Amino acid sequence: MVVAHSQEMGLISESLIISADGAKLPTWASPYGQKSCPGEGKCDGLRKLLDKEAEWVWARYREQGVYGYTDYEFVTP
């Protein structure tokens, strides 16, 4: 959407070559959050999430779920 609009405005030439790739980047935060209760043992209190924008995504090349982000990279020569 952005590239087509930029080409219409004359900001990008028609012969532009773009390569793109996506990857799953894990975050090392726990998807279950961190206990808000002090001490060891069972905690029935609320948990605080350390990485609120991360989500479960499926990494086909790993054939497993990854808790983290999907990263898209675009490059031009």
N, C-alpha and C. Protein backbone atom coordinates (compact mmCIF):
# COMPACT_ATOMS: atom_id res chain seq x y z
N MET A 1 0.81 -1.18 0.00
CA MET A 1 0.00 0.00 0.00
C MET A 1 0.87 1.26 0.00
N VAL A 2 1.87 1.27 0.82
CA VAL A 2 2.72 2.45 0.92
C VAL A 2 3.55 2.64 -0.35
N VAL A 3 4.08 1.53 -0.88
CA VAL A 3 4.93 1.63 -2.07
C VAL A 3 4.12 2.12 -3.26
N ALA A 4 2.93 1.54 -3.48
CA ALA A 4 2.10 1.95 -4.62
C ALA A 4 1.74 3.43 -4.52
N HIS A 5 1.38 3.88 -3.33
CA HIS A 5 1.01 5.28 -3.14
C HIS A 5 2.22 6.19 -3.37
N SER A 6 3.40 5.77 -2.89
CA SER A 6 4.61 6.56 -3.09
C SER A 6 4.99 6.63 -4.57
N GLN A 7 4.76 5.54 -5.33
CA GLN A 7 5.03 5.56 -6.76
C GLN A 7 4.07 6.52 -7.47
N GLU A 8 2.82 6.53 -7.07
CA GLU A 8 1.84 7.45 -7.67
C GLU A 8 2.23 8.91 -7.43
N MET A 9 2.83 9.17 -6.28
CA MET A 9 3.26 10.54 -5.95
C MET A 9 4.59 10.90 -6.61
N GLY A 10 5.25 9.92 -7.25
CA GLY A 10 6.53 10.18 -7.90
C GLY A 10 7.72 10.15 -6.97
N LEU A 11 7.54 9.60 -5.76
CA LEU A 11 8.64 9.54 -4.79
C LEU A 11 9.54 8.34 -5.02
N ILE A 12 9.03 7.32 -5.69
CA ILE A 12 9.78 6.09 -5.96
C ILE A 12 9.68 5.80 -7.45
N SER A 13 10.80 5.38 -8.07
CA SER A 13 10.78 5.08 -9.50
C SER A 13 10.01 3.78 -9.75
N GLU A 14 9.56 3.61 -10.98
CA GLU A 14 8.81 2.41 -11.36
C GLU A 14 9.69 1.17 -11.39
N SER A 15 11.01 1.34 -11.51
CA SER A 15 11.92 0.20 -11.63
C SER A 15 12.49 -0.24 -10.28
N LEU A 16 11.87 0.14 -9.20
CA LEU A 16 12.34 -0.22 -7.86
C LEU A 16 12.22 -1.72 -7.64
N ILE A 17 13.24 -2.33 -7.07
CA ILE A 17 13.24 -3.76 -6.74
C ILE A 17 13.27 -3.87 -5.21
N ILE A 18 12.32 -4.61 -4.66
CA ILE A 18 12.24 -4.79 -3.21
C ILE A 18 12.21 -6.28 -2.90
N SER A 19 12.99 -6.69 -1.91
CA SER A 19 12.95 -8.05 -1.38
C SER A 19 12.42 -7.97 0.04
N ALA A 20 11.63 -8.96 0.42
CA ALA A 20 11.06 -8.97 1.77
C ALA A 20 11.15 -10.36 2.36
N ASP A 21 11.26 -10.42 3.67
CA ASP A 21 11.31 -11.69 4.38
C ASP A 21 10.71 -11.50 5.76
N GLY A 22 10.14 -12.54 6.28
CA GLY A 22 9.57 -12.48 7.63
C GLY A 22 10.22 -13.53 8.50
N ALA A 23 10.33 -13.25 9.78
CA ALA A 23 10.91 -14.19 10.73
C ALA A 23 10.17 -14.07 12.05
N LYS A 24 10.18 -15.15 12.81
CA LYS A 24 9.58 -15.14 14.15
C LYS A 24 10.69 -14.89 15.16
N LEU A 25 10.55 -13.85 15.94
CA LEU A 25 11.56 -13.50 16.94
C LEU A 25 11.01 -13.77 18.33
N PRO A 26 11.63 -14.70 19.07
CA PRO A 26 11.12 -15.00 20.41
C PRO A 26 11.48 -13.90 21.41
N THR A 27 10.61 -13.72 22.36
CA THR A 27 10.92 -12.87 23.51
C THR A 27 11.17 -13.82 24.67
N TRP A 28 12.01 -13.47 25.58
CA TRP A 28 12.33 -14.39 26.66
C TRP A 28 11.45 -14.14 27.88
N ALA A 29 10.43 -13.31 27.71
CA ALA A 29 9.46 -13.10 28.78
C ALA A 29 8.51 -14.31 28.84
N SER A 30 7.94 -14.55 29.98
CA SER A 30 6.99 -15.65 30.13
C SER A 30 5.63 -15.22 29.61
N PRO A 31 4.96 -16.06 28.82
CA PRO A 31 3.61 -15.70 28.36
C PRO A 31 2.60 -15.69 29.50
N TYR A 32 2.97 -16.25 30.65
CA TYR A 32 2.06 -16.30 31.80
C TYR A 32 2.26 -15.13 32.75
N GLY A 33 3.25 -14.30 32.48
CA GLY A 33 3.50 -13.14 33.33
C GLY A 33 4.35 -13.48 34.55
N GLN A 34 4.47 -12.51 35.41
CA GLN A 34 5.26 -12.66 36.63
C GLN A 34 4.34 -12.56 37.82
N LYS A 35 4.56 -13.41 38.83
CA LYS A 35 3.71 -13.37 40.03
C LYS A 35 3.85 -12.01 40.71
N SER A 36 2.72 -11.51 41.21
CA SER A 36 2.77 -10.24 41.94
C SER A 36 2.76 -10.47 43.45
N CYS A 37 2.64 -11.73 43.87
CA CYS A 37 2.66 -12.05 45.30
C CYS A 37 4.10 -12.25 45.76
N PRO A 38 4.44 -11.77 46.93
CA PRO A 38 5.80 -11.99 47.42
C PRO A 38 6.00 -13.42 47.90
N GLY A 39 7.22 -13.90 47.84
CA GLY A 39 7.55 -15.22 48.39
C GLY A 39 7.31 -16.36 47.43
N GLU A 40 7.58 -17.54 47.93
CA GLU A 40 7.44 -18.78 47.15
C GLU A 40 6.04 -19.36 47.33
N GLY A 41 5.74 -20.35 46.53
CA GLY A 41 4.49 -21.08 46.68
C GLY A 41 3.39 -20.54 45.78
N LYS A 42 2.18 -21.01 46.07
CA LYS A 42 1.03 -20.67 45.25
C LYS A 42 0.66 -19.19 45.39
N CYS A 43 0.28 -18.60 44.27
CA CYS A 43 -0.09 -17.18 44.26
C CYS A 43 -1.39 -17.05 43.46
N ASP A 44 -2.44 -16.62 44.12
CA ASP A 44 -3.73 -16.44 43.46
C ASP A 44 -3.95 -15.00 43.00
N GLY A 45 -2.97 -14.15 43.20
CA GLY A 45 -3.10 -12.75 42.83
C GLY A 45 -2.94 -12.53 41.33
N LEU A 46 -3.12 -11.31 40.91
CA LEU A 46 -2.95 -10.97 39.50
C LEU A 46 -1.49 -11.09 39.10
N ARG A 47 -1.25 -11.38 37.86
CA ARG A 47 0.11 -11.45 37.34
C ARG A 47 0.35 -10.23 36.47
N LYS A 48 1.58 -9.72 36.51
CA LYS A 48 1.89 -8.60 35.62
C LYS A 48 2.64 -9.13 34.41
N LEU A 49 2.21 -8.69 33.24
CA LEU A 49 2.84 -9.13 32.00
C LEU A 49 4.00 -8.22 31.69
N LEU A 50 5.15 -8.81 31.40
CA LEU A 50 6.35 -8.03 31.14
C LEU A 50 6.47 -7.62 29.68
N ASP A 51 5.80 -8.34 28.80
CA ASP A 51 5.88 -8.05 27.37
C ASP A 51 4.47 -8.10 26.81
N LYS A 52 3.73 -7.02 26.97
CA LYS A 52 2.30 -7.00 26.66
C LYS A 52 1.98 -7.11 25.18
N GLU A 53 2.93 -6.78 24.30
CA GLU A 53 2.65 -6.80 22.86
C GLU A 53 3.08 -8.10 22.19
N ALA A 54 3.77 -8.98 22.90
CA ALA A 54 4.16 -10.26 22.32
C ALA A 54 2.94 -11.16 22.22
N GLU A 55 3.02 -12.12 21.29
CA GLU A 55 1.91 -13.05 21.11
C GLU A 55 2.46 -14.40 20.66
N TRP A 56 1.62 -15.43 20.77
CA TRP A 56 2.01 -16.75 20.29
C TRP A 56 1.90 -16.75 18.78
N VAL A 57 2.97 -17.15 18.11
CA VAL A 57 2.99 -17.26 16.65
C VAL A 57 3.57 -18.63 16.29
N TRP A 58 3.19 -19.16 15.16
CA TRP A 58 3.68 -20.47 14.72
C TRP A 58 4.88 -20.28 13.80
N ALA A 59 6.00 -20.87 14.15
CA ALA A 59 7.21 -20.83 13.34
C ALA A 59 7.28 -22.14 12.55
N ARG A 60 6.97 -22.07 11.25
CA ARG A 60 6.95 -23.28 10.43
C ARG A 60 8.32 -23.94 10.35
N TYR A 61 9.38 -23.15 10.24
CA TYR A 61 10.71 -23.74 10.11
C TYR A 61 11.15 -24.42 11.39
N ARG A 62 10.60 -24.03 12.53
CA ARG A 62 10.90 -24.70 13.80
C ARG A 62 9.86 -25.76 14.13
N GLU A 63 8.72 -25.68 13.47
CA GLU A 63 7.57 -26.53 13.73
C GLU A 63 7.17 -26.49 15.20
N GLN A 64 7.09 -25.27 15.73
CA GLN A 64 6.65 -25.09 17.11
C GLN A 64 6.15 -23.67 17.29
N GLY A 65 5.41 -23.47 18.35
CA GLY A 65 4.95 -22.13 18.68
C GLY A 65 6.07 -21.32 19.31
N VAL A 66 6.07 -20.03 19.03
CA VAL A 66 7.07 -19.12 19.58
C VAL A 66 6.33 -17.95 20.21
N TYR A 67 6.67 -17.62 21.44
CA TYR A 67 6.09 -16.46 22.09
C TYR A 67 6.98 -15.27 21.77
N GLY A 68 6.48 -14.36 20.95
CA GLY A 68 7.31 -13.23 20.55
C GLY A 68 6.65 -12.40 19.49
N TYR A 69 7.41 -12.07 18.46
CA TYR A 69 6.97 -11.14 17.42
C TYR A 69 7.22 -11.71 16.04
N THR A 70 6.49 -11.21 15.06
CA THR A 70 6.77 -11.48 13.67
C THR A 70 7.47 -10.25 13.11
N ASP A 71 8.67 -10.46 12.60
CA ASP A 71 9.49 -9.36 12.07
C ASP A 71 9.49 -9.44 10.56
N TYR A 72 9.17 -8.34 9.90
CA TYR A 72 9.22 -8.26 8.44
C TYR A 72 10.32 -7.28 8.06
N GLU A 73 11.19 -7.71 7.17
CA GLU A 73 12.30 -6.86 6.72
C GLU A 73 12.18 -6.64 5.21
N PHE A 74 12.40 -5.42 4.78
CA PHE A 74 12.36 -5.04 3.37
C PHE A 74 13.70 -4.41 3.01
N VAL A 75 14.26 -4.83 1.87
CA VAL A 75 15.54 -4.28 1.42
C VAL A 75 15.45 -3.95 -0.07
N THR A 76 16.27 -3.00 -0.50
CA THR A 76 16.40 -2.66 -1.91
C THR A 76 17.88 -2.62 -2.25
N PRO A 77 18.24 -2.96 -3.50
CA PRO A 77 19.66 -2.91 -3.88
C PRO A 77 20.13 -1.47 -4.04
